[in-house]
Structure formats: C-alpha cells, structure tokens
N, C-alpha and C. Protein backbone atom coordinates (compact mmCIF):
# COMPACT_ATOMS: atom_id res chain seq x y z
N MET A 1 0.84 -1.16 0.03
CA MET A 1 -0.02 0.01 -0.02
C MET A 1 0.87 1.29 0.10
N ARG A 2 0.38 2.25 -0.79
CA ARG A 2 1.22 3.51 -1.00
C ARG A 2 1.06 4.30 0.27
N PRO A 3 2.10 4.93 0.74
CA PRO A 3 1.72 5.91 1.93
C PRO A 3 0.92 7.12 1.40
N ARG A 4 0.21 7.55 2.14
CA ARG A 4 -0.54 8.84 1.98
C ARG A 4 0.34 10.12 2.05
N PRO A 5 0.01 11.12 1.27
CA PRO A 5 0.85 12.35 1.26
C PRO A 5 1.04 12.87 2.82
N ARG A 6 0.18 12.77 3.53
CA ARG A 6 0.21 13.26 4.92
C ARG A 6 1.16 12.41 5.81
N ASP A 7 1.08 11.04 5.49
CA ASP A 7 1.99 10.36 6.25
C ASP A 7 3.58 10.49 5.91
N LEU A 8 3.61 10.67 4.61
CA LEU A 8 5.05 11.12 3.97
C LEU A 8 5.57 12.33 4.57
N GLU A 9 4.66 13.36 4.75
CA GLU A 9 5.02 14.59 5.24
C GLU A 9 5.35 14.51 6.74
N ARG A 10 4.72 13.61 7.56
CA ARG A 10 4.95 13.40 8.90
C ARG A 10 6.42 12.83 9.06
N ARG A 11 6.65 11.83 8.23
CA ARG A 11 7.99 11.13 8.26
C ARG A 11 9.13 12.15 8.01
N LEU A 12 8.84 12.96 6.98
CA LEU A 12 10.04 13.97 6.64
C LEU A 12 10.22 14.89 7.73
N LEU A 13 9.16 15.31 8.38
CA LEU A 13 9.21 16.11 9.53
C LEU A 13 10.13 15.57 10.69
N ARG A 14 9.96 14.29 10.73
CA ARG A 14 10.79 13.68 11.70
C ARG A 14 12.10 13.15 11.32
N ALA A 15 12.70 13.58 10.17
CA ALA A 15 13.77 13.08 9.59
C ALA A 15 15.01 13.26 10.49
N ARG A 16 15.72 12.17 10.66
CA ARG A 16 16.74 12.12 11.60
C ARG A 16 17.91 13.11 11.04
N PRO A 17 18.69 13.84 11.94
CA PRO A 17 19.67 14.65 11.47
C PRO A 17 20.94 13.93 10.75
N SER A 18 21.37 14.42 9.80
CA SER A 18 22.20 13.69 8.92
C SER A 18 23.37 14.63 8.49
N GLU A 19 24.66 14.28 8.90
CA GLU A 19 25.83 15.16 8.58
C GLU A 19 26.06 15.16 7.03
N VAL A 20 25.75 14.19 6.43
CA VAL A 20 25.93 14.14 4.97
C VAL A 20 24.97 15.14 4.20
N ARG A 21 23.73 15.06 4.58
CA ARG A 21 22.68 16.01 4.05
C ARG A 21 22.95 17.29 4.55
N ASP A 22 23.37 17.74 5.92
CA ASP A 22 23.75 19.00 6.23
C ASP A 22 24.86 19.65 5.46
N ALA A 23 25.94 18.82 5.15
CA ALA A 23 27.13 19.24 4.45
C ALA A 23 26.64 19.58 3.04
N ALA A 24 25.78 18.73 2.47
CA ALA A 24 25.35 18.95 1.14
C ALA A 24 24.53 20.35 1.02
N PHE A 25 23.62 20.58 1.97
CA PHE A 25 22.86 21.91 2.10
C PHE A 25 23.92 23.03 2.23
N ARG A 26 24.98 22.96 3.18
CA ARG A 26 25.83 23.95 3.25
C ARG A 26 26.50 24.33 2.07
N ARG A 27 27.04 23.20 1.30
CA ARG A 27 27.89 23.45 0.03
C ARG A 27 26.90 24.20 -0.92
N VAL A 28 25.63 23.91 -1.07
CA VAL A 28 24.71 24.45 -1.95
C VAL A 28 24.45 26.08 -1.55
N ILE A 29 24.24 26.18 -0.36
CA ILE A 29 23.95 27.54 0.22
C ILE A 29 25.26 28.44 -0.05
N LEU A 30 26.33 27.97 0.18
CA LEU A 30 27.60 28.83 -0.03
C LEU A 30 27.82 29.14 -1.56
N GLN A 31 27.12 28.43 -2.55
CA GLN A 31 27.16 28.71 -3.85
C GLN A 31 26.31 29.91 -4.27
N ILE A 32 25.35 30.30 -3.42
CA ILE A 32 24.45 31.47 -3.93
C ILE A 32 25.30 32.75 -3.65
N PRO A 33 25.48 33.57 -4.81
CA PRO A 33 26.34 34.78 -4.79
C PRO A 33 25.58 35.83 -4.26
N PRO A 34 26.29 36.81 -3.79
CA PRO A 34 25.57 38.02 -3.32
C PRO A 34 24.63 38.65 -4.28
N GLY A 35 23.60 39.03 -4.07
CA GLY A 35 22.66 39.70 -5.07
C GLY A 35 21.61 38.66 -5.59
N LYS A 36 21.75 37.47 -5.16
CA LYS A 36 20.99 36.36 -5.65
C LYS A 36 20.27 35.67 -4.46
N VAL A 37 19.19 35.00 -4.74
CA VAL A 37 18.55 34.33 -3.69
C VAL A 37 18.12 32.84 -4.22
N ALA A 38 17.69 32.04 -3.45
CA ALA A 38 17.16 30.67 -3.72
C ALA A 38 16.09 30.34 -2.80
N THR A 39 15.10 29.53 -3.04
CA THR A 39 14.14 29.00 -2.08
C THR A 39 14.73 27.93 -1.33
N TYR A 40 14.10 27.68 -0.25
CA TYR A 40 14.43 26.39 0.69
C TYR A 40 14.27 25.17 -0.13
N ALA A 41 13.20 25.11 -1.04
CA ALA A 41 13.08 23.96 -1.80
C ALA A 41 14.18 23.75 -2.83
N GLN A 42 14.49 24.95 -3.46
CA GLN A 42 15.61 24.85 -4.46
C GLN A 42 17.01 24.43 -3.84
N VAL A 43 17.34 24.81 -2.75
CA VAL A 43 18.52 24.47 -2.00
C VAL A 43 18.47 22.91 -1.76
N ALA A 44 17.27 22.45 -1.20
CA ALA A 44 17.13 21.04 -1.09
C ALA A 44 17.22 20.02 -2.19
N ALA A 45 16.80 20.63 -3.26
CA ALA A 45 16.68 19.85 -4.52
C ALA A 45 18.07 19.81 -5.08
N ALA A 46 18.82 20.97 -5.15
CA ALA A 46 20.08 21.19 -5.69
C ALA A 46 21.23 20.24 -4.93
N ALA A 47 20.76 20.06 -3.60
CA ALA A 47 21.75 19.39 -2.71
C ALA A 47 21.33 17.70 -2.90
N GLY A 48 20.31 17.39 -3.64
CA GLY A 48 20.06 16.01 -3.82
C GLY A 48 18.94 15.45 -2.80
N PHE A 49 18.40 16.29 -2.08
CA PHE A 49 17.31 16.01 -1.13
C PHE A 49 16.05 16.82 -1.44
N PRO A 50 15.40 16.47 -2.52
CA PRO A 50 14.33 17.41 -2.97
C PRO A 50 13.07 17.52 -2.05
N LEU A 51 12.80 16.63 -1.09
CA LEU A 51 11.70 16.88 -0.29
C LEU A 51 12.05 17.40 1.15
N TYR A 52 13.28 17.73 1.31
CA TYR A 52 13.74 18.10 2.64
C TYR A 52 13.98 19.70 2.93
N HIS A 53 12.93 20.50 2.26
CA HIS A 53 13.05 21.84 2.53
C HIS A 53 12.98 22.38 3.99
N ARG A 54 12.33 21.63 4.81
CA ARG A 54 12.23 22.09 6.21
C ARG A 54 13.47 21.74 6.99
N GLN A 55 14.24 20.83 6.48
CA GLN A 55 15.58 20.59 7.13
C GLN A 55 16.58 21.66 6.73
N VAL A 56 16.33 22.28 5.57
CA VAL A 56 17.22 23.34 5.16
C VAL A 56 16.86 24.67 6.23
N VAL A 57 15.65 24.79 6.50
CA VAL A 57 15.30 25.76 7.55
C VAL A 57 15.99 25.50 8.82
N GLN A 58 15.92 24.18 9.28
CA GLN A 58 16.38 23.80 10.46
C GLN A 58 17.99 24.13 10.55
N LEU A 59 18.69 23.67 9.44
CA LEU A 59 20.14 24.00 9.46
C LEU A 59 20.42 25.42 9.46
N LEU A 60 19.72 26.29 8.80
CA LEU A 60 19.95 27.75 8.86
C LEU A 60 19.69 28.27 10.22
N ARG A 61 18.73 27.74 10.97
CA ARG A 61 18.55 28.26 12.39
C ARG A 61 19.64 27.85 13.15
N ARG A 62 20.28 26.63 12.95
CA ARG A 62 21.36 26.22 13.84
C ARG A 62 22.65 26.86 13.50
N SER A 63 22.88 27.42 12.27
CA SER A 63 24.12 27.74 11.77
C SER A 63 24.52 29.32 12.01
N GLY A 64 23.37 29.97 12.39
CA GLY A 64 23.74 31.42 12.74
C GLY A 64 24.29 32.30 11.54
N ASP A 65 25.35 32.92 11.76
CA ASP A 65 25.92 33.72 10.71
C ASP A 65 26.96 32.92 10.04
N ALA A 66 27.18 31.74 10.23
CA ALA A 66 28.13 30.89 9.66
C ALA A 66 27.78 30.69 8.08
N LEU A 67 26.65 30.75 7.76
CA LEU A 67 26.14 30.61 6.29
C LEU A 67 25.36 31.96 5.95
N PRO A 68 25.29 32.23 4.66
CA PRO A 68 24.64 33.47 4.14
C PRO A 68 23.04 33.20 4.17
N TRP A 69 22.42 33.14 5.39
CA TRP A 69 21.16 32.69 5.47
C TRP A 69 20.13 33.52 4.87
N GLN A 70 20.58 34.87 4.70
CA GLN A 70 19.63 35.80 4.22
C GLN A 70 19.44 35.56 2.74
N ARG A 71 20.19 34.86 1.91
CA ARG A 71 20.03 34.55 0.67
C ARG A 71 19.00 33.36 0.19
N VAL A 72 18.50 32.82 1.35
CA VAL A 72 17.43 31.62 1.25
C VAL A 72 16.13 32.24 1.72
N VAL A 73 15.20 32.14 0.77
CA VAL A 73 13.83 32.77 0.95
C VAL A 73 12.71 31.61 0.78
N GLY A 74 11.60 32.00 1.22
CA GLY A 74 10.47 30.94 0.96
C GLY A 74 10.06 30.88 -0.40
N ALA A 75 9.12 30.09 -0.86
CA ALA A 75 8.61 29.97 -2.27
C ALA A 75 8.02 31.39 -2.60
N GLY A 76 8.35 31.69 -3.88
CA GLY A 76 7.90 32.85 -4.54
C GLY A 76 8.67 34.05 -4.09
N GLY A 77 9.76 33.95 -3.40
CA GLY A 77 10.73 35.04 -2.87
C GLY A 77 10.15 35.71 -1.71
N GLU A 78 9.32 34.98 -0.99
CA GLU A 78 8.72 35.48 0.32
C GLU A 78 9.67 35.28 1.46
N ILE A 79 9.92 36.32 2.14
CA ILE A 79 10.63 36.33 3.52
C ILE A 79 9.80 35.66 4.56
N ARG A 80 10.20 34.51 5.12
CA ARG A 80 9.34 33.58 5.86
C ARG A 80 9.48 33.87 7.39
N LEU A 81 10.55 34.71 7.69
CA LEU A 81 11.01 34.97 9.08
C LEU A 81 9.86 36.00 9.59
N LYS A 82 10.01 36.09 10.91
CA LYS A 82 9.05 37.12 11.61
C LYS A 82 9.74 38.23 12.19
N ARG A 83 9.13 39.36 12.23
CA ARG A 83 9.44 40.56 12.97
C ARG A 83 10.86 41.09 12.73
N ASP A 84 11.57 41.15 13.74
CA ASP A 84 13.00 41.65 13.71
C ASP A 84 13.85 40.85 12.68
N MET A 85 13.86 39.57 12.64
CA MET A 85 14.58 38.74 11.78
C MET A 85 14.22 38.95 10.33
N ALA A 86 12.89 39.22 10.03
CA ALA A 86 12.45 39.49 8.59
C ALA A 86 12.88 40.82 8.17
N ARG A 87 13.05 41.96 9.00
CA ARG A 87 13.53 43.25 8.73
C ARG A 87 15.14 43.02 8.40
N GLU A 88 15.69 42.24 9.27
CA GLU A 88 17.10 42.03 9.12
C GLU A 88 17.48 41.43 7.78
N GLN A 89 16.70 40.49 7.31
CA GLN A 89 16.88 39.65 6.19
C GLN A 89 16.67 40.56 5.04
N ARG A 90 15.57 41.30 5.13
CA ARG A 90 15.32 42.24 3.89
C ARG A 90 16.50 43.22 3.73
N LEU A 91 16.89 43.90 4.90
CA LEU A 91 17.99 44.84 4.91
C LEU A 91 19.25 44.27 4.33
N ARG A 92 19.66 43.07 4.77
CA ARG A 92 20.84 42.40 4.28
C ARG A 92 20.70 42.22 2.79
N LEU A 93 19.62 41.78 2.27
CA LEU A 93 19.37 41.52 0.83
C LEU A 93 19.37 42.85 0.03
N GLU A 94 18.78 43.85 0.61
CA GLU A 94 18.73 45.29 0.04
C GLU A 94 20.25 45.73 -0.17
N MET A 95 21.05 45.43 1.00
CA MET A 95 22.47 45.86 0.91
C MET A 95 23.14 45.25 -0.24
N GLU A 96 22.80 44.01 -0.68
CA GLU A 96 23.33 43.23 -1.72
C GLU A 96 22.89 43.60 -3.03
N GLY A 97 21.89 44.51 -3.16
CA GLY A 97 21.29 45.01 -4.36
C GLY A 97 19.98 44.15 -4.67
N VAL A 98 19.42 43.42 -3.87
CA VAL A 98 18.34 42.78 -4.24
C VAL A 98 17.12 43.61 -4.05
N ARG A 99 16.24 43.58 -5.04
CA ARG A 99 14.97 44.56 -5.18
C ARG A 99 13.87 43.63 -4.78
N PHE A 100 12.85 44.39 -4.26
CA PHE A 100 11.52 43.85 -3.77
C PHE A 100 10.45 44.38 -4.51
N ARG A 101 9.31 43.52 -4.57
CA ARG A 101 8.04 44.07 -5.13
C ARG A 101 6.99 43.74 -4.03
N GLY A 102 6.75 44.75 -3.18
CA GLY A 102 5.95 44.62 -1.84
C GLY A 102 6.87 43.88 -0.96
N ARG A 103 6.36 42.74 -0.50
CA ARG A 103 7.08 42.02 0.58
C ARG A 103 7.90 40.88 -0.05
N ARG A 104 7.99 40.74 -1.38
CA ARG A 104 8.47 39.61 -2.01
C ARG A 104 9.73 39.98 -2.86
N VAL A 105 10.84 39.21 -2.80
CA VAL A 105 11.98 39.49 -3.83
C VAL A 105 11.47 39.35 -5.20
N ILE A 106 12.02 40.10 -6.11
CA ILE A 106 11.72 40.09 -7.58
C ILE A 106 12.40 38.84 -8.05
N MET A 107 11.91 37.66 -8.03
CA MET A 107 12.60 36.39 -8.37
C MET A 107 13.14 36.50 -9.84
N GLU A 108 12.33 37.12 -10.80
CA GLU A 108 12.73 37.16 -12.15
C GLU A 108 14.30 37.75 -12.38
N GLU A 109 14.54 38.67 -11.38
CA GLU A 109 15.87 39.36 -11.42
C GLU A 109 16.94 38.72 -10.55
N HIS A 110 16.47 38.10 -9.46
CA HIS A 110 17.44 37.73 -8.41
C HIS A 110 17.51 36.23 -8.09
N GLN A 111 16.76 35.48 -8.76
CA GLN A 111 16.95 34.03 -8.52
C GLN A 111 18.08 33.38 -8.98
N HIS A 112 18.71 32.63 -8.09
CA HIS A 112 19.99 31.99 -8.50
C HIS A 112 19.56 30.55 -9.08
N VAL A 113 20.25 30.26 -10.27
CA VAL A 113 19.99 28.88 -10.89
C VAL A 113 21.22 28.15 -10.56
N PHE A 114 21.05 27.06 -9.99
CA PHE A 114 21.92 26.17 -9.54
C PHE A 114 22.46 25.29 -10.77
N ARG A 115 23.72 25.15 -11.00
CA ARG A 115 24.17 24.20 -11.99
C ARG A 115 24.71 23.09 -11.24
N THR A 116 23.99 22.10 -11.08
CA THR A 116 24.18 21.03 -10.06
C THR A 116 25.54 20.31 -10.50
N TRP A 117 25.94 20.34 -11.78
CA TRP A 117 27.15 19.67 -12.10
C TRP A 117 28.42 20.35 -11.59
N GLU A 118 28.13 21.63 -11.18
CA GLU A 118 29.27 22.50 -10.52
C GLU A 118 29.44 22.30 -9.06
N LEU A 119 28.47 21.83 -8.54
CA LEU A 119 28.39 21.67 -7.05
C LEU A 119 29.42 20.66 -6.38
C-alpha cells in the first residue's frame, strides 16, 4: 500500500539529523552569490534531497551567521521569518542589491539558478 501524502510529510518532519545531508545543504547555500536568492526547496533539490526543505530551515537556524542565511527565502521570494529577523533579512538583501516588489523578492531578477554539475 502506498503511503498517503500526509504520512509522508510526517515522516519527513521527523527526519533524523544527517551530517551528509547538512554538508550538502551547506555546500549549496555557499554557492549562492551576493545579490541572488534561492528558495528552501531549491536548496534542498540542488543538494540532492528534494523533499527536505524543512531541514534546510532547521540547518539555517542552527548555523547562525556561519552561512549566508539571508539569501534563502520562501517560495515565490517571500521572507518567511518574523518581525526583527524578517527586517534584518530584507535589509541584508537590499544591501546586496536585491530588489523587492512589496514583500517579495523580484525572483525574475534575483533567483539563483543552480548548476548541479558544478556543486
């Protein structure tokens, strides 16, 4: 019997920590140049773990300023952080030259395209 989508989602939420997966995420995040952004899902897919976008979020929370966390945004260029952290992310991105339309990054201009063969 095939697992239901909700069961699959629960399993992914409980995914065990993995140094291999986290190292792949770090490698991919470090490839995003200043002035460009990628979504959590794009980072996960480029690292070879396409359904693990929530684990990208968890890694960024644990990493602090060790990674350029401001360059990773939600789907459609939305800043998913709250209050002060959202303002800080936007400010950091604006300092790198990223432009916004309302509350979202203009993805047509600033979306980083991963070349997975270069990772």
